[in-house]
C-alpha atoms as a PDB file:
ATOM      1  CA  MET A   1       0.000   0.000   0.000  1.00  0.00           C
ATOM      2  CA  THR A   2       1.399   3.371  -0.952  1.00  0.00           C
ATOM      3  CA  SER A   3       1.130   6.465   1.164  1.00  0.00           C
ATOM      4  CA  GLN A   4       0.551  10.001   0.002  1.00  0.00           C
ATOM      5  CA  PRO A   5       0.696  13.370   1.693  1.00  0.00           C
ATOM      6  CA  GLU A   6      -2.549  14.422   3.352  1.00  0.00           C
ATOM      7  CA  GLN A   7      -2.881  17.516   1.129  1.00  0.00           C
ATOM      8  CA  LEU A   8      -2.634  15.392  -2.014  1.00  0.00           C
ATOM      9  CA  LEU A   9      -5.270  13.030  -0.619  1.00  0.00           C
ATOM     10  CA  GLU A  10      -7.593  15.973   0.124  1.00  0.00           C
ATOM     11  CA  ASP A  11      -6.990  17.531  -3.308  1.00  0.00           C
ATOM     12  CA  ASN A  12      -7.814  14.243  -5.019  1.00  0.00           C
ATOM     13  CA  LEU A  13     -10.978  13.836  -2.950  1.00  0.00           C
ATOM     14  CA  VAL A  14     -12.134  17.341  -3.893  1.00  0.00           C
ATOM     15  CA  LYS A  15     -11.482  16.623  -7.591  1.00  0.00           C
ATOM     16  CA  GLN A  16     -13.378  13.342  -7.366  1.00  0.00           C
ATOM     17  CA  LEU A  17     -16.367  14.990  -5.682  1.00  0.00           C
ATOM     18  CA  GLN A  18     -16.372  17.805  -8.246  1.00  0.00           C
ATOM     19  CA  SER A  19     -16.367  15.232 -11.064  1.00  0.00           C
ATOM     20  CA  LEU A  20     -19.522  13.780  -9.476  1.00  0.00           C
ATOM     21  CA  GLY A  21     -21.241  17.168  -9.639  1.00  0.00           C
ATOM     22  CA  TYR A  22     -20.534  18.490  -6.157  1.00  0.00           C
ATOM     23  CA  GLY A  23     -19.470  22.114  -5.844  1.00  0.00           C
ATOM     24  CA  PHE A  24     -16.764  23.593  -3.674  1.00  0.00           C
ATOM     25  CA  ILE A  25     -17.960  26.161  -1.136  1.00  0.00           C
ATOM     26  CA  ALA A  26     -15.505  28.336   0.763  1.00  0.00           C
ATOM     27  CA  LEU A  27     -16.716  28.883   4.326  1.00  0.00           C
ATOM     28  CA  LYS A  28     -14.802  31.732   5.975  1.00  0.00           C
ATOM     29  CA  ASP A  29     -16.677  31.905   9.256  1.00  0.00           C
ATOM     30  CA  ASP A  30     -19.659  30.706  11.296  1.00  0.00           C
ATOM     31  CA  ASN A  31     -22.022  32.979   9.375  1.00  0.00           C
ATOM     32  CA  ASP A  32     -21.032  31.354   6.063  1.00  0.00           C
ATOM     33  CA  LEU A  33     -21.451  27.911   7.630  1.00  0.00           C
ATOM     34  CA  ASN A  34     -24.931  28.740   8.962  1.00  0.00           C
ATOM     35  CA  THR A  35     -25.993  30.330   5.669  1.00  0.00           C
ATOM     36  CA  ASN A  36     -24.951  27.202   3.768  1.00  0.00           C
ATOM     37  CA  LEU A  37     -26.602  24.901   6.314  1.00  0.00           C
ATOM     38  CA  LYS A  38     -29.893  26.797   6.025  1.00  0.00           C
ATOM     39  CA  ALA A  39     -29.738  26.697   2.216  1.00  0.00           C
ATOM     40  CA  GLN A  40     -29.045  22.944   2.206  1.00  0.00           C
ATOM     41  CA  LEU A  41     -31.846  22.191   4.692  1.00  0.00           C
ATOM     42  CA  GLU A  42     -34.287  24.224   2.607  1.00  0.00           C
ATOM     43  CA  LYS A  43     -33.156  22.633  -0.648  1.00  0.00           C
ATOM     44  CA  HIS A  44     -33.280  19.016   0.507  1.00  0.00           C
ATOM     45  CA  ASN A  45     -36.486  19.362   2.529  1.00  0.00           C
ATOM     46  CA  GLN A  46     -38.184  21.570  -0.112  1.00  0.00           C
ATOM     47  CA  ILE A  47     -39.100  24.201   2.477  1.00  0.00           C
ATOM     48  CA  THR A  48     -38.393  27.810   3.358  1.00  0.00           C
ATOM     49  CA  LEU A  49     -37.246  28.471   6.922  1.00  0.00           C
ATOM     50  CA  THR A  50     -37.798  31.821   8.590  1.00  0.00           C
ATOM     51  CA  ASP A  51     -34.964  33.164  10.723  1.00  0.00           C
ATOM     52  CA  LYS A  52     -36.933  32.153  13.824  1.00  0.00           C
ATOM     53  CA  GLU A  53     -37.431  28.588  12.547  1.00  0.00           C
ATOM     54  CA  PHE A  54     -33.756  28.266  11.617  1.00  0.00           C
ATOM     55  CA  ALA A  55     -32.774  29.501  15.080  1.00  0.00           C
ATOM     56  CA  LYS A  56     -34.827  26.609  16.495  1.00  0.00           C
ATOM     57  CA  VAL A  57     -32.912  24.166  14.280  1.00  0.00           C
ATOM     58  CA  LEU A  58     -29.618  25.519  15.596  1.00  0.00           C
ATOM     59  CA  SER A  59     -30.761  25.340  19.199  1.00  0.00           C
ATOM     60  CA  LYS A  60     -31.815  21.668  19.107  1.00  0.00           C
ATOM     61  CA  PRO A  61     -29.950  18.435  18.547  1.00  0.00           C
ATOM     62  CA  PHE A  62     -30.052  17.636  14.826  1.00  0.00           C
ATOM     63  CA  THR A  63     -31.674  14.234  15.196  1.00  0.00           C
ATOM     64  CA  GLY A  64     -35.275  14.841  14.252  1.00  0.00           C
ATOM     65  CA  ALA A  65     -34.971  18.628  14.591  1.00  0.00           C
ATOM     66  CA  ILE A  66     -36.674  19.319  11.264  1.00  0.00           C
ATOM     67  CA  LYS A  67     -39.628  17.066  12.116  1.00  0.00           C
ATOM     68  CA  ARG A  68     -40.094  18.699  15.535  1.00  0.00           C
ATOM     69  CA  ILE A  69     -39.937  22.209  14.127  1.00  0.00           C
ATOM     70  CA  LYS A  70     -42.136  21.331  11.146  1.00  0.00           C
ATOM     71  CA  SER A  71     -44.886  20.135  13.460  1.00  0.00           C
ATOM     72  CA  SER A  72     -44.908  23.477  15.294  1.00  0.00           C
ATOM     73  CA  ALA A  73     -44.302  25.917  12.429  1.00  0.00           C
ATOM     74  CA  SER A  74     -45.992  27.134   9.295  1.00  0.00           C
ATOM     75  CA  TRP A  75     -44.025  25.861   6.330  1.00  0.00           C
ATOM     76  CA  LYS A  76     -43.921  27.264   2.830  1.00  0.00           C
ATOM     77  CA  PRO A  77     -42.761  24.663   0.310  1.00  0.00           C
ATOM     78  CA  LEU A  78     -40.221  25.810  -2.248  1.00  0.00           C
ATOM     79  CA  PRO A  79     -41.363  25.689  -5.869  1.00  0.00           C
ATOM     80  CA  LYS A  80     -40.348  22.479  -7.585  1.00  0.00           C
ATOM     81  CA  THR A  81     -37.548  22.816 -10.114  1.00  0.00           C
ATOM     82  CA  SER A  82     -36.907  20.457 -12.972  1.00  0.00           C
END
């Protein structure tokens, strides 16, 4: 088994993920991280979260957080895209 420097391993992983259609997102700080998290939750759950609803997501353990918040919030589904 050959070994390779960690940076080379990471670079190759990024290239492989990009070839599969994943995009690279630079996250400079916590705000960028939270903005991306909110966007991904909305995209994959086909919903729009208000700031108050997203604050609830951040304040609860992630296991089942969306289901708990969904049951107590008014949700606006995102339009379907083709």
